N, C-alpha and C. Protein backbone atom coordinates (compact mmCIF):
# COMPACT_ATOMS: atom_id res chain seq x y z
N MET A 1 13.63 -17.15 -2.11
CA MET A 1 12.55 -16.91 -1.19
C MET A 1 11.39 -17.83 -1.58
N PRO A 2 10.89 -18.62 -0.63
CA PRO A 2 9.78 -19.53 -0.94
C PRO A 2 8.54 -18.80 -1.44
N LEU A 3 7.77 -19.48 -2.25
CA LEU A 3 6.58 -18.89 -2.86
C LEU A 3 5.60 -18.36 -1.82
N ILE A 4 5.43 -19.06 -0.71
CA ILE A 4 4.48 -18.62 0.31
C ILE A 4 4.92 -17.29 0.92
N ILE A 5 6.22 -17.08 1.04
CA ILE A 5 6.73 -15.82 1.59
C ILE A 5 6.50 -14.69 0.59
N TRP A 6 6.69 -14.98 -0.70
CA TRP A 6 6.34 -13.99 -1.73
C TRP A 6 4.86 -13.63 -1.62
N ALA A 7 4.03 -14.64 -1.42
CA ALA A 7 2.59 -14.40 -1.31
C ALA A 7 2.28 -13.53 -0.09
N TYR A 8 2.91 -13.82 1.05
CA TYR A 8 2.72 -13.00 2.25
C TYR A 8 3.16 -11.56 1.99
N ALA A 9 4.32 -11.40 1.36
CA ALA A 9 4.85 -10.06 1.11
C ALA A 9 3.93 -9.28 0.19
N LEU A 10 3.54 -9.89 -0.92
CA LEU A 10 2.66 -9.19 -1.87
C LEU A 10 1.29 -8.92 -1.27
N ALA A 11 0.77 -9.84 -0.46
CA ALA A 11 -0.51 -9.60 0.19
C ALA A 11 -0.41 -8.45 1.19
N SER A 12 0.68 -8.41 1.93
CA SER A 12 0.88 -7.33 2.89
C SER A 12 0.96 -5.97 2.18
N ILE A 13 1.73 -5.93 1.11
CA ILE A 13 1.91 -4.68 0.36
C ILE A 13 0.60 -4.27 -0.30
N ALA A 14 -0.13 -5.24 -0.86
CA ALA A 14 -1.43 -4.94 -1.48
C ALA A 14 -2.42 -4.44 -0.44
N LEU A 15 -2.44 -5.04 0.73
CA LEU A 15 -3.34 -4.57 1.79
C LEU A 15 -3.01 -3.14 2.21
N SER A 16 -1.74 -2.81 2.28
CA SER A 16 -1.36 -1.44 2.60
C SER A 16 -1.84 -0.46 1.54
N ALA A 17 -1.72 -0.86 0.27
CA ALA A 17 -2.18 0.00 -0.83
C ALA A 17 -3.70 0.14 -0.78
N LEU A 18 -4.40 -0.96 -0.55
CA LEU A 18 -5.86 -0.89 -0.44
C LEU A 18 -6.29 -0.07 0.77
N ALA A 19 -5.51 -0.12 1.84
CA ALA A 19 -5.79 0.69 3.02
C ALA A 19 -5.71 2.17 2.65
N GLN A 20 -4.68 2.54 1.91
CA GLN A 20 -4.55 3.94 1.48
C GLN A 20 -5.75 4.37 0.64
N LEU A 21 -6.16 3.52 -0.28
CA LEU A 21 -7.32 3.83 -1.13
C LEU A 21 -8.57 4.01 -0.28
N SER A 22 -8.80 3.09 0.63
CA SER A 22 -9.98 3.14 1.48
C SER A 22 -10.00 4.41 2.33
N MET A 23 -8.86 4.73 2.93
CA MET A 23 -8.81 5.92 3.78
C MET A 23 -8.94 7.19 2.95
N LYS A 24 -8.41 7.21 1.75
CA LYS A 24 -8.56 8.36 0.85
C LYS A 24 -10.04 8.57 0.53
N ILE A 25 -10.74 7.50 0.22
CA ILE A 25 -12.17 7.61 -0.08
C ILE A 25 -12.92 8.13 1.15
N GLY A 26 -12.61 7.57 2.32
CA GLY A 26 -13.28 8.00 3.54
C GLY A 26 -13.04 9.46 3.85
N MET A 27 -11.80 9.89 3.74
CA MET A 27 -11.49 11.28 4.06
C MET A 27 -12.03 12.24 3.01
N THR A 28 -12.09 11.82 1.77
CA THR A 28 -12.68 12.67 0.73
C THR A 28 -14.17 12.88 1.00
N ARG A 29 -14.84 11.82 1.40
CA ARG A 29 -16.28 11.95 1.72
C ARG A 29 -16.50 12.86 2.93
N ILE A 30 -15.64 12.74 3.91
CA ILE A 30 -15.76 13.61 5.09
C ILE A 30 -15.49 15.06 4.71
N ARG A 31 -14.47 15.30 3.89
CA ARG A 31 -14.16 16.67 3.44
C ARG A 31 -15.33 17.25 2.65
N GLU A 32 -15.92 16.44 1.78
CA GLU A 32 -17.03 16.90 0.97
C GLU A 32 -18.27 17.21 1.80
N ALA A 33 -18.37 16.61 3.00
CA ALA A 33 -19.49 16.88 3.90
C ALA A 33 -19.25 18.15 4.72
N HIS A 34 -18.09 18.76 4.55
CA HIS A 34 -17.73 20.02 5.24
C HIS A 34 -17.84 19.89 6.76
N VAL A 35 -17.36 18.80 7.29
CA VAL A 35 -17.36 18.58 8.74
C VAL A 35 -16.08 19.21 9.30
N GLU A 36 -16.23 19.96 10.39
CA GLU A 36 -15.08 20.62 11.00
C GLU A 36 -15.17 20.53 12.51
N GLY A 37 -14.09 20.94 13.16
CA GLY A 37 -14.05 21.00 14.62
C GLY A 37 -14.11 19.62 15.26
N PRO A 38 -14.64 19.56 16.48
CA PRO A 38 -14.70 18.29 17.21
C PRO A 38 -15.51 17.21 16.48
N ALA A 39 -16.49 17.63 15.71
CA ALA A 39 -17.29 16.66 14.96
C ALA A 39 -16.44 15.91 13.94
N LEU A 40 -15.37 16.54 13.49
CA LEU A 40 -14.49 15.92 12.50
C LEU A 40 -13.85 14.65 13.07
N VAL A 41 -13.40 14.72 14.31
CA VAL A 41 -12.77 13.56 14.94
C VAL A 41 -13.76 12.40 15.01
N GLY A 42 -14.99 12.69 15.40
CA GLY A 42 -16.03 11.66 15.47
C GLY A 42 -16.33 11.05 14.11
N LYS A 43 -16.41 11.91 13.10
CA LYS A 43 -16.68 11.43 11.74
C LYS A 43 -15.56 10.50 11.25
N ILE A 44 -14.33 10.90 11.54
CA ILE A 44 -13.19 10.07 11.13
C ILE A 44 -13.23 8.73 11.88
N ALA A 45 -13.48 8.80 13.18
CA ALA A 45 -13.48 7.58 14.01
C ALA A 45 -14.58 6.62 13.62
N LEU A 46 -15.66 7.14 13.04
CA LEU A 46 -16.80 6.29 12.68
C LEU A 46 -16.88 5.99 11.18
N SER A 47 -15.93 6.47 10.42
CA SER A 47 -15.95 6.25 8.98
C SER A 47 -15.61 4.80 8.65
N PRO A 48 -16.51 4.08 7.98
CA PRO A 48 -16.21 2.69 7.60
C PRO A 48 -14.96 2.58 6.73
N HIS A 49 -14.75 3.56 5.87
CA HIS A 49 -13.56 3.49 5.00
C HIS A 49 -12.27 3.69 5.80
N VAL A 50 -12.30 4.60 6.75
CA VAL A 50 -11.11 4.82 7.56
C VAL A 50 -10.86 3.61 8.47
N ILE A 51 -11.90 3.13 9.10
CA ILE A 51 -11.77 1.95 9.98
C ILE A 51 -11.31 0.74 9.17
N GLY A 52 -11.90 0.55 8.00
CA GLY A 52 -11.50 -0.56 7.13
C GLY A 52 -10.05 -0.44 6.71
N GLY A 53 -9.61 0.78 6.39
CA GLY A 53 -8.22 0.99 6.01
C GLY A 53 -7.27 0.65 7.15
N LEU A 54 -7.61 1.08 8.35
CA LEU A 54 -6.76 0.77 9.50
C LEU A 54 -6.72 -0.74 9.76
N ALA A 55 -7.85 -1.40 9.58
CA ALA A 55 -7.90 -2.86 9.75
C ALA A 55 -7.02 -3.57 8.71
N MET A 56 -7.07 -3.07 7.48
CA MET A 56 -6.21 -3.65 6.44
C MET A 56 -4.75 -3.48 6.78
N TYR A 57 -4.39 -2.30 7.32
CA TYR A 57 -3.02 -2.10 7.77
C TYR A 57 -2.64 -3.13 8.83
N GLY A 58 -3.54 -3.40 9.76
CA GLY A 58 -3.25 -4.36 10.82
C GLY A 58 -3.00 -5.76 10.28
N VAL A 59 -3.85 -6.22 9.38
CA VAL A 59 -3.67 -7.55 8.79
C VAL A 59 -2.39 -7.58 7.97
N GLY A 60 -2.15 -6.51 7.21
CA GLY A 60 -0.93 -6.44 6.41
C GLY A 60 0.32 -6.48 7.28
N ALA A 61 0.26 -5.84 8.45
CA ALA A 61 1.41 -5.84 9.37
C ALA A 61 1.70 -7.24 9.89
N VAL A 62 0.66 -7.99 10.19
CA VAL A 62 0.84 -9.37 10.67
C VAL A 62 1.50 -10.21 9.57
N LEU A 63 1.04 -10.06 8.34
CA LEU A 63 1.66 -10.79 7.23
C LEU A 63 3.12 -10.37 7.05
N TRP A 64 3.37 -9.07 7.19
CA TRP A 64 4.74 -8.58 7.03
C TRP A 64 5.66 -9.15 8.10
N LEU A 65 5.16 -9.33 9.30
CA LEU A 65 5.97 -9.94 10.36
C LEU A 65 6.40 -11.35 9.97
N ALA A 66 5.52 -12.09 9.30
CA ALA A 66 5.87 -13.43 8.83
C ALA A 66 6.99 -13.36 7.79
N VAL A 67 6.95 -12.33 6.95
CA VAL A 67 8.02 -12.15 5.95
C VAL A 67 9.33 -11.82 6.66
N LEU A 68 9.29 -10.88 7.59
CA LEU A 68 10.51 -10.45 8.28
C LEU A 68 11.16 -11.58 9.07
N ALA A 69 10.33 -12.52 9.53
CA ALA A 69 10.87 -13.64 10.30
C ALA A 69 11.66 -14.61 9.42
N ARG A 70 11.46 -14.55 8.10
CA ARG A 70 12.03 -15.57 7.23
C ARG A 70 12.97 -15.05 6.13
N VAL A 71 13.05 -13.74 5.96
CA VAL A 71 13.80 -13.18 4.83
C VAL A 71 14.75 -12.11 5.36
N PRO A 72 15.95 -12.02 4.80
CA PRO A 72 16.85 -10.93 5.19
C PRO A 72 16.16 -9.57 4.96
N LEU A 73 16.34 -8.68 5.88
CA LEU A 73 15.71 -7.36 5.79
C LEU A 73 16.12 -6.63 4.52
N SER A 74 17.37 -6.80 4.11
CA SER A 74 17.86 -6.12 2.90
C SER A 74 17.18 -6.62 1.64
N MET A 75 16.56 -7.77 1.70
CA MET A 75 15.79 -8.26 0.56
C MET A 75 14.31 -7.93 0.71
N ALA A 76 13.80 -8.01 1.93
CA ALA A 76 12.37 -7.79 2.16
C ALA A 76 11.98 -6.32 1.99
N TYR A 77 12.75 -5.42 2.60
CA TYR A 77 12.31 -4.04 2.65
C TYR A 77 12.18 -3.36 1.29
N PRO A 78 13.06 -3.63 0.33
CA PRO A 78 12.85 -3.02 -0.99
C PRO A 78 11.52 -3.40 -1.63
N LEU A 79 10.95 -4.54 -1.24
CA LEU A 79 9.64 -4.93 -1.78
C LEU A 79 8.55 -3.93 -1.38
N VAL A 80 8.75 -3.24 -0.27
CA VAL A 80 7.76 -2.26 0.19
C VAL A 80 7.55 -1.18 -0.88
N SER A 81 8.58 -0.91 -1.68
CA SER A 81 8.43 0.10 -2.72
C SER A 81 7.38 -0.28 -3.76
N LEU A 82 7.02 -1.56 -3.82
CA LEU A 82 5.94 -1.96 -4.72
C LEU A 82 4.61 -1.32 -4.31
N GLY A 83 4.53 -0.89 -3.07
CA GLY A 83 3.33 -0.17 -2.61
C GLY A 83 3.09 1.09 -3.45
N PHE A 84 4.16 1.78 -3.85
CA PHE A 84 4.00 2.96 -4.71
C PHE A 84 3.36 2.58 -6.03
N VAL A 85 3.76 1.44 -6.55
CA VAL A 85 3.20 0.96 -7.82
C VAL A 85 1.72 0.62 -7.63
N PHE A 86 1.42 -0.16 -6.60
CA PHE A 86 0.04 -0.57 -6.36
C PHE A 86 -0.87 0.64 -6.13
N VAL A 87 -0.41 1.60 -5.31
CA VAL A 87 -1.22 2.78 -5.02
C VAL A 87 -1.45 3.60 -6.29
N SER A 88 -0.44 3.77 -7.10
CA SER A 88 -0.59 4.54 -8.33
C SER A 88 -1.61 3.89 -9.27
N VAL A 89 -1.52 2.58 -9.40
CA VAL A 89 -2.47 1.86 -10.28
C VAL A 89 -3.88 1.92 -9.71
N LEU A 90 -4.02 1.75 -8.40
CA LEU A 90 -5.35 1.84 -7.78
C LEU A 90 -5.93 3.25 -7.91
N ALA A 91 -5.11 4.25 -7.66
CA ALA A 91 -5.58 5.64 -7.77
C ALA A 91 -6.03 5.95 -9.19
N TRP A 92 -5.31 5.42 -10.16
CA TRP A 92 -5.68 5.62 -11.55
C TRP A 92 -6.97 4.89 -11.90
N SER A 93 -7.05 3.60 -11.50
CA SER A 93 -8.18 2.78 -11.93
C SER A 93 -9.45 3.04 -11.12
N VAL A 94 -9.33 3.35 -9.85
CA VAL A 94 -10.52 3.53 -9.01
C VAL A 94 -10.90 5.00 -8.86
N LEU A 95 -9.91 5.86 -8.66
CA LEU A 95 -10.19 7.28 -8.39
C LEU A 95 -10.09 8.16 -9.64
N GLY A 96 -9.62 7.58 -10.73
CA GLY A 96 -9.50 8.36 -11.96
C GLY A 96 -8.34 9.34 -11.95
N GLU A 97 -7.36 9.12 -11.07
CA GLU A 97 -6.18 9.99 -11.05
C GLU A 97 -5.33 9.72 -12.29
N SER A 98 -4.56 10.72 -12.67
CA SER A 98 -3.75 10.58 -13.89
C SER A 98 -2.47 9.80 -13.61
N LEU A 99 -1.96 9.21 -14.66
CA LEU A 99 -0.67 8.53 -14.63
C LEU A 99 0.17 9.10 -15.76
N PRO A 100 0.75 10.28 -15.54
CA PRO A 100 1.56 10.88 -16.61
C PRO A 100 2.81 10.05 -16.90
N LEU A 101 3.39 10.33 -18.02
CA LEU A 101 4.53 9.57 -18.50
C LEU A 101 5.69 9.54 -17.50
N LEU A 102 5.96 10.67 -16.87
CA LEU A 102 7.05 10.72 -15.90
C LEU A 102 6.78 9.78 -14.72
N ARG A 103 5.55 9.73 -14.26
CA ARG A 103 5.19 8.83 -13.15
C ARG A 103 5.31 7.37 -13.61
N LEU A 104 4.87 7.09 -14.82
CA LEU A 104 5.01 5.73 -15.36
C LEU A 104 6.49 5.34 -15.44
N GLY A 105 7.35 6.29 -15.80
CA GLY A 105 8.78 6.02 -15.83
C GLY A 105 9.31 5.69 -14.43
N GLY A 106 8.82 6.43 -13.43
CA GLY A 106 9.21 6.14 -12.04
C GLY A 106 8.76 4.76 -11.61
N ILE A 107 7.54 4.39 -12.00
CA ILE A 107 7.03 3.06 -11.67
C ILE A 107 7.91 1.99 -12.32
N ALA A 108 8.30 2.22 -13.57
CA ALA A 108 9.18 1.26 -14.26
C ALA A 108 10.51 1.14 -13.52
N CYS A 109 11.04 2.26 -13.04
CA CYS A 109 12.31 2.22 -12.29
C CYS A 109 12.15 1.42 -11.00
N ILE A 110 11.04 1.60 -10.32
CA ILE A 110 10.78 0.83 -9.09
C ILE A 110 10.76 -0.66 -9.40
N LEU A 111 10.04 -1.04 -10.45
CA LEU A 111 9.93 -2.45 -10.80
C LEU A 111 11.30 -3.03 -11.16
N VAL A 112 12.09 -2.28 -11.90
CA VAL A 112 13.44 -2.74 -12.25
C VAL A 112 14.29 -2.86 -10.99
N GLY A 113 14.19 -1.87 -10.11
CA GLY A 113 14.96 -1.91 -8.86
C GLY A 113 14.61 -3.09 -7.99
N VAL A 114 13.33 -3.37 -7.85
CA VAL A 114 12.91 -4.51 -7.04
C VAL A 114 13.41 -5.81 -7.67
N ALA A 115 13.32 -5.90 -8.99
CA ALA A 115 13.82 -7.11 -9.67
C ALA A 115 15.32 -7.26 -9.46
N MET A 116 16.05 -6.16 -9.51
CA MET A 116 17.51 -6.23 -9.30
C MET A 116 17.84 -6.68 -7.88
N VAL A 117 17.11 -6.16 -6.91
CA VAL A 117 17.35 -6.58 -5.52
C VAL A 117 17.05 -8.07 -5.36
N GLY A 118 15.93 -8.50 -5.93
CA GLY A 118 15.54 -9.91 -5.84
C GLY A 118 16.53 -10.83 -6.54
N LEU A 119 16.97 -10.44 -7.73
CA LEU A 119 17.92 -11.27 -8.47
C LEU A 119 19.29 -11.23 -7.81
N GLY A 120 19.62 -10.10 -7.20
CA GLY A 120 20.90 -9.98 -6.53
C GLY A 120 21.00 -10.94 -5.34
N GLN A 121 19.90 -11.26 -4.71
CA GLN A 121 19.89 -12.19 -3.59
C GLN A 121 20.05 -13.63 -4.09
N ALA A 122 19.62 -13.88 -5.31
CA ALA A 122 19.70 -15.25 -5.85
C ALA A 122 21.13 -15.59 -6.29
N ALA A 123 21.91 -14.55 -6.58
CA ALA A 123 23.26 -14.79 -7.11
C ALA A 123 24.22 -15.24 -6.02
């Protein structure tokens, strides 16, 4: 897989992870403001974090389309699992969420699995 396609794939996956982080922050702030009922929909629709997250998803989707146009789906789609890794690291580093040993083991399994899929395509 050409380097530029790797860059598109990783950028797309990173944008999706950042979108999750942004929307989590936005929704946490809305929850903490105790907004309910019809006002909740308005607050969500006007939240910069939620809007920013959705925009990141859009840009990430466009990049992902470029990947799908050039790479077999069986090689591209397993890369999406890297999103779990990115989100876990972001949640730990930005939100202070825990990364217990079992979760770290799962992350290691994902990384090994993605490497096996990638190396399997090279063989």
